[in-house]
């Protein structure tokens, strides 16, 4: 798993934990898929954001 730029298993969780994030999650409904991530502050959010978006937009599906 992973993404194009970050092709390592668990890299999103590792980076999120370093930024004091409380964890990432996702859920689906009939007509949408949602992903959530809680961080302590905006600095942590902006550090995780590029990795998070790459996982959402360019996932490596196995």
PDB file of N, CA and C in Angstrom:
ATOM      1  N   UNK A   1       0.836  -1.178   0.000  1.00  0.00           N
ATOM      2  CA  UNK A   1       0.000   0.000   0.000  1.00  0.00           C
ATOM      3  C   UNK A   1       0.879   1.239   0.000  1.00  0.00           C
ATOM      4  N   UNK A   2       0.264   2.362   0.061  1.00  0.00           N
ATOM      5  CA  UNK A   2       0.961   3.631  -0.005  1.00  0.00           C
ATOM      6  C   UNK A   2       0.423   4.453  -1.156  1.00  0.00           C
ATOM      7  N   UNK A   3       1.276   5.317  -1.686  1.00  0.00           N
ATOM      8  CA  UNK A   3       0.876   6.161  -2.805  1.00  0.00           C
ATOM      9  C   UNK A   3       2.044   6.285  -3.772  1.00  0.00           C
ATOM     10  N   UNK A   4       1.833   7.009  -4.873  1.00  0.00           N
ATOM     11  CA  UNK A   4       2.890   7.144  -5.876  1.00  0.00           C
ATOM     12  C   UNK A   4       4.153   7.765  -5.297  1.00  0.00           C
ATOM     13  N   UNK A   5       4.031   8.880  -4.606  1.00  0.00           N
ATOM     14  CA  UNK A   5       5.200   9.572  -4.055  1.00  0.00           C
ATOM     15  C   UNK A   5       5.699   8.953  -2.755  1.00  0.00           C
ATOM     16  N   UNK A   6       4.833   8.243  -2.053  1.00  0.00           N
ATOM     17  CA  UNK A   6       5.172   7.646  -0.759  1.00  0.00           C
ATOM     18  C   UNK A   6       4.786   6.168  -0.776  1.00  0.00           C
ATOM     19  N   UNK A   7       5.545   5.329  -1.505  1.00  0.00           N
ATOM     20  CA  UNK A   7       5.147   3.925  -1.694  1.00  0.00           C
ATOM     21  C   UNK A   7       5.552   3.003  -0.542  1.00  0.00           C
ATOM     22  N   UNK A   8       5.326   3.428   0.673  1.00  0.00           N
ATOM     23  CA  UNK A   8       5.719   2.635   1.829  1.00  0.00           C
ATOM     24  C   UNK A   8       4.502   2.341   2.694  1.00  0.00           C
ATOM     25  N   UNK A   9       4.381   1.121   3.133  1.00  0.00           N
ATOM     26  CA  UNK A   9       3.258   0.740   3.987  1.00  0.00           C
ATOM     27  C   UNK A   9       3.364   1.465   5.332  1.00  0.00           C
ATOM     28  N   UNK A  10       2.288   2.112   5.737  1.00  0.00           N
ATOM     29  CA  UNK A  10       2.240   2.769   7.033  1.00  0.00           C
ATOM     30  C   UNK A  10       2.867   4.148   7.098  1.00  0.00           C
ATOM     31  N   UNK A  11       3.330   4.694   5.969  1.00  0.00           N
ATOM     32  CA  UNK A  11       4.006   5.996   6.005  1.00  0.00           C
ATOM     33  C   UNK A  11       3.066   7.120   6.430  1.00  0.00           C
ATOM     34  N   UNK A  12       1.812   7.051   6.028  1.00  0.00           N
ATOM     35  CA  UNK A  12       0.857   8.093   6.425  1.00  0.00           C
ATOM     36  C   UNK A  12       0.674   8.102   7.940  1.00  0.00           C
ATOM     37  N   UNK A  13       0.528   6.948   8.531  1.00  0.00           N
ATOM     38  CA  UNK A  13       0.378   6.860   9.991  1.00  0.00           C
ATOM     39  C   UNK A  13       1.638   7.331  10.701  1.00  0.00           C
ATOM     40  N   UNK A  14       2.799   6.977  10.173  1.00  0.00           N
ATOM     41  CA  UNK A  14       4.065   7.388  10.781  1.00  0.00           C
ATOM     42  C   UNK A  14       4.201   8.902  10.785  1.00  0.00           C
ATOM     43  N   UNK A  15       3.945   9.526   9.648  1.00  0.00           N
ATOM     44  CA  UNK A  15       4.059  10.983   9.560  1.00  0.00           C
ATOM     45  C   UNK A  15       2.988  11.661  10.408  1.00  0.00           C
ATOM     46  N   UNK A  16       1.780  11.132  10.390  1.00  0.00           N
ATOM     47  CA  UNK A  16       0.704  11.705  11.204  1.00  0.00           C
ATOM     48  C   UNK A  16       1.056  11.640  12.687  1.00  0.00           C
ATOM     49  N   UNK A  17       1.612  10.534  13.136  1.00  0.00           N
ATOM     50  CA  UNK A  17       2.001  10.409  14.546  1.00  0.00           C
ATOM     51  C   UNK A  17       3.095  11.396  14.916  1.00  0.00           C
ATOM     52  N   UNK A  18       4.031  11.650  14.022  1.00  0.00           N
ATOM     53  CA  UNK A  18       5.099  12.621  14.285  1.00  0.00           C
ATOM     54  C   UNK A  18       4.555  14.039  14.399  1.00  0.00           C
ATOM     55  N   UNK A  19       3.423  14.287  13.776  1.00  0.00           N
ATOM     56  CA  UNK A  19       2.806  15.617  13.809  1.00  0.00           C
ATOM     57  C   UNK A  19       1.717  15.714  14.866  1.00  0.00           C
ATOM     58  N   UNK A  20       1.714  14.776  15.803  1.00  0.00           N
ATOM     59  CA  UNK A  20       0.760  14.778  16.905  1.00  0.00           C
ATOM     60  C   UNK A  20      -0.686  14.639  16.434  1.00  0.00           C
ATOM     61  N   UNK A  21      -0.892  13.915  15.341  1.00  0.00           N
ATOM     62  CA  UNK A  21      -2.252  13.669  14.860  1.00  0.00           C
ATOM     63  C   UNK A  21      -2.851  12.520  15.659  1.00  0.00           C
ATOM     64  N   UNK A  22      -4.149  12.569  15.852  1.00  0.00           N
ATOM     65  CA  UNK A  22      -4.802  11.517  16.636  1.00  0.00           C
ATOM     66  C   UNK A  22      -5.213  10.329  15.775  1.00  0.00           C
ATOM     67  N   UNK A  23      -4.838  10.334  14.527  1.00  0.00           N
ATOM     68  CA  UNK A  23      -5.126   9.201  13.660  1.00  0.00           C
ATOM     69  C   UNK A  23      -5.976   9.569  12.469  1.00  0.00           C
ATOM     70  N   UNK A  24      -5.811   8.798  11.428  1.00  0.00           N
ATOM     71  CA  UNK A  24      -6.595   9.020  10.222  1.00  0.00           C
ATOM     72  C   UNK A  24      -7.676   7.953  10.140  1.00  0.00           C
ATOM     73  N   UNK A  25      -8.755   8.294   9.469  1.00  0.00           N
ATOM     74  CA  UNK A  25      -9.880   7.375   9.366  1.00  0.00           C
ATOM     75  C   UNK A  25     -10.609   7.654   8.062  1.00  0.00           C
ATOM     76  N   UNK A  26     -11.426   6.731   7.642  1.00  0.00           N
ATOM     77  CA  UNK A  26     -12.233   6.917   6.444  1.00  0.00           C
ATOM     78  C   UNK A  26     -13.533   6.144   6.567  1.00  0.00           C
ATOM     79  N   UNK A  27     -14.547   6.592   5.864  1.00  0.00           N
ATOM     80  CA  UNK A  27     -15.830   5.899   5.864  1.00  0.00           C
ATOM     81  C   UNK A  27     -16.529   6.156   4.539  1.00  0.00           C
ATOM     82  N   UNK A  28     -17.465   5.283   4.220  1.00  0.00           N
ATOM     83  CA  UNK A  28     -18.193   5.410   2.958  1.00  0.00           C
ATOM     84  C   UNK A  28     -19.692   5.410   3.200  1.00  0.00           C
ATOM     85  N   UNK A  29     -20.397   6.018   2.270  1.00  0.00           N
ATOM     86  CA  UNK A  29     -21.854   6.037   2.210  1.00  0.00           C
ATOM     87  C   UNK A  29     -22.225   5.587   0.800  1.00  0.00           C
ATOM     88  N   UNK A  30     -23.481   5.592   0.474  1.00  0.00           N
ATOM     89  CA  UNK A  30     -23.888   5.216  -0.876  1.00  0.00           C
ATOM     90  C   UNK A  30     -23.301   6.137  -1.932  1.00  0.00           C
ATOM     91  N   UNK A  31     -23.223   7.420  -1.641  1.00  0.00           N
ATOM     92  CA  UNK A  31     -22.821   8.376  -2.663  1.00  0.00           C
ATOM     93  C   UNK A  31     -21.557   9.169  -2.341  1.00  0.00           C
ATOM     94  N   UNK A  32     -20.806   8.794  -1.311  1.00  0.00           N
ATOM     95  CA  UNK A  32     -19.580   9.519  -1.001  1.00  0.00           C
ATOM     96  C   UNK A  32     -18.624   8.674  -0.180  1.00  0.00           C
ATOM     97  N   UNK A  33     -17.374   9.086  -0.206  1.00  0.00           N
ATOM     98  CA  UNK A  33     -16.343   8.518   0.655  1.00  0.00           C
ATOM     99  C   UNK A  33     -15.694   9.685   1.383  1.00  0.00           C
ATOM    100  N   UNK A  34     -15.520   9.573   2.684  1.00  0.00           N
ATOM    101  CA  UNK A  34     -14.946  10.652   3.484  1.00  0.00           C
ATOM    102  C   UNK A  34     -13.704  10.151   4.209  1.00  0.00           C
ATOM    103  N   UNK A  35     -12.709  11.025   4.324  1.00  0.00           N
ATOM    104  CA  UNK A  35     -11.488  10.728   5.055  1.00  0.00           C
ATOM    105  C   UNK A  35     -11.296  11.810   6.102  1.00  0.00           C
ATOM    106  N   UNK A  36     -10.909  11.422   7.303  1.00  0.00           N
ATOM    107  CA  UNK A  36     -10.717  12.393   8.379  1.00  0.00           C
ATOM    108  C   UNK A  36      -9.318  12.278   8.968  1.00  0.00           C
ATOM    109  N   UNK A  37      -8.839  13.389   9.510  1.00  0.00           N
ATOM    110  CA  UNK A  37      -7.548  13.441  10.175  1.00  0.00           C
ATOM    111  C   UNK A  37      -7.603  14.576  11.182  1.00  0.00           C
ATOM    112  N   UNK A  38      -7.283  14.301  12.432  1.00  0.00           N
ATOM    113  CA  UNK A  38      -7.274  15.322  13.482  1.00  0.00           C
ATOM    114  C   UNK A  38      -5.837  15.612  13.881  1.00  0.00           C
ATOM    115  N   UNK A  39      -5.456  16.888  13.867  1.00  0.00           N
ATOM    116  CA  UNK A  39      -4.120  17.289  14.286  1.00  0.00           C
ATOM    117  C   UNK A  39      -4.229  18.291  15.431  1.00  0.00           C
ATOM    118  N   UNK A  40      -3.116  18.473  16.139  1.00  0.00           N
ATOM    119  CA  UNK A  40      -3.089  19.390  17.273  1.00  0.00           C
ATOM    120  C   UNK A  40      -3.194  20.836  16.806  1.00  0.00           C
ATOM    121  N   UNK A  41      -2.506  21.180  15.744  1.00  0.00           N
ATOM    122  CA  UNK A  41      -2.525  22.558  15.248  1.00  0.00           C
ATOM    123  C   UNK A  41      -2.330  22.611  13.750  1.00  0.00           C
ATOM    124  N   UNK A  42      -2.324  23.812  13.223  1.00  0.00           N
ATOM    125  CA  UNK A  42      -2.215  23.978  11.772  1.00  0.00           C
ATOM    126  C   UNK A  42      -0.849  23.552  11.239  1.00  0.00           C
ATOM    127  N   UNK A  43       0.213  23.698  12.018  1.00  0.00           N
ATOM    128  CA  UNK A  43       1.541  23.291  11.553  1.00  0.00           C
ATOM    129  C   UNK A  43       1.582  21.802  11.252  1.00  0.00           C
ATOM    130  N   UNK A  44       1.057  21.001  12.153  1.00  0.00           N
ATOM    131  CA  UNK A  44       1.009  19.560  11.934  1.00  0.00           C
ATOM    132  C   UNK A  44       0.133  19.201  10.754  1.00  0.00           C
ATOM    133  N   UNK A  45      -0.986  19.882  10.628  1.00  0.00           N
ATOM    134  CA  UNK A  45      -1.904  19.636   9.516  1.00  0.00           C
ATOM    135  C   UNK A  45      -1.216  19.878   8.174  1.00  0.00           C
ATOM    136  N   UNK A  46      -0.502  21.005   8.054  1.00  0.00           N
ATOM    137  CA  UNK A  46       0.141  21.333   6.786  1.00  0.00           C
ATOM    138  C   UNK A  46       1.345  20.448   6.488  1.00  0.00           C
ATOM    139  N   UNK A  47       1.922  19.810   7.494  1.00  0.00           N
ATOM    140  CA  UNK A  47       2.997  18.842   7.250  1.00  0.00           C
ATOM    141  C   UNK A  47       2.440  17.517   6.740  1.00  0.00           C
ATOM    142  N   UNK A  48       1.291  17.128   7.241  1.00  0.00           N
ATOM    143  CA  UNK A  48       0.676  15.855   6.852  1.00  0.00           C
ATOM    144  C   UNK A  48      -0.084  15.977   5.532  1.00  0.00           C
ATOM    145  N   UNK A  49      -0.597  17.149   5.226  1.00  0.00           N
ATOM    146  CA  UNK A  49      -1.487  17.341   4.082  1.00  0.00           C
ATOM    147  C   UNK A  49      -0.946  16.823   2.747  1.00  0.00           C
ATOM    148  N   UNK A  50       0.300  17.120   2.340  1.00  0.00           N
ATOM    149  CA  UNK A  50       0.769  16.610   1.046  1.00  0.00           C
ATOM    150  C   UNK A  50       0.782  15.080   0.975  1.00  0.00           C
ATOM    151  N   UNK A  51       1.170  14.436   2.056  1.00  0.00           N
ATOM    152  CA  UNK A  51       1.201  12.969   2.093  1.00  0.00           C
ATOM    153  C   UNK A  51      -0.218  12.424   2.056  1.00  0.00           C
ATOM    154  N   UNK A  52      -1.095  13.026   2.808  1.00  0.00           N
ATOM    155  CA  UNK A  52      -2.496  12.601   2.879  1.00  0.00           C
ATOM    156  C   UNK A  52      -3.173  12.726   1.517  1.00  0.00           C
ATOM    157  N   UNK A  53      -2.986  13.872   0.859  1.00  0.00           N
ATOM    158  CA  UNK A  53      -3.595  14.078  -0.451  1.00  0.00           C
ATOM    159  C   UNK A  53      -3.050  13.107  -1.488  1.00  0.00           C
ATOM    160  N   UNK A  54      -1.764  12.802  -1.430  1.00  0.00           N
ATOM    161  CA  UNK A  54      -1.198  11.841  -2.376  1.00  0.00           C
ATOM    162  C   UNK A  54      -1.801  10.460  -2.169  1.00  0.00           C
ATOM    163  N   UNK A  55      -2.069  10.094  -0.928  1.00  0.00           N
ATOM    164  CA  UNK A  55      -2.715   8.808  -0.649  1.00  0.00           C
ATOM    165  C   UNK A  55      -4.155   8.773  -1.164  1.00  0.00           C
ATOM    166  N   UNK A  56      -4.850   9.904  -1.091  1.00  0.00           N
ATOM    167  CA  UNK A  56      -6.238   9.960  -1.557  1.00  0.00           C
ATOM    168  C   UNK A  56      -6.306  10.017  -3.086  1.00  0.00           C
ATOM    169  N   UNK A  57      -5.436  10.828  -3.701  1.00  0.00           N
ATOM    170  CA  UNK A  57      -5.515  11.060  -5.143  1.00  0.00           C
ATOM    171  C   UNK A  57      -4.713  10.071  -5.983  1.00  0.00           C
ATOM    172  N   UNK A  58      -3.650   9.482  -5.425  1.00  0.00           N
ATOM    173  CA  UNK A  58      -2.793   8.569  -6.192  1.00  0.00           C
ATOM    174  C   UNK A  58      -2.451   7.317  -5.388  1.00  0.00           C
ATOM    175  N   UNK A  59      -3.454   6.562  -4.952  1.00  0.00           N
ATOM    176  CA  UNK A  59      -3.162   5.378  -4.132  1.00  0.00           C
ATOM    177  C   UNK A  59      -2.516   4.264  -4.942  1.00  0.00           C
ATOM    178  N   UNK A  60      -1.683   3.477  -4.276  1.00  0.00           N
ATOM    179  CA  UNK A  60      -1.114   2.274  -4.882  1.00  0.00           C
ATOM    180  C   UNK A  60      -1.952   1.116  -4.374  1.00  0.00           C
ATOM    181  N   UNK A  61      -2.859   0.658  -5.182  1.00  0.00           N
ATOM    182  CA  UNK A  61      -3.760  -0.417  -4.786  1.00  0.00           C
ATOM    183  C   UNK A  61      -3.156  -1.761  -5.158  1.00  0.00           C
ATOM    184  N   UNK A  62      -3.222  -2.693  -4.230  1.00  0.00           N
ATOM    185  CA  UNK A  62      -2.679  -4.032  -4.507  1.00  0.00           C
ATOM    186  C   UNK A  62      -3.781  -5.052  -4.511  1.00  0.00           C
TER     187      UNK A  62
END
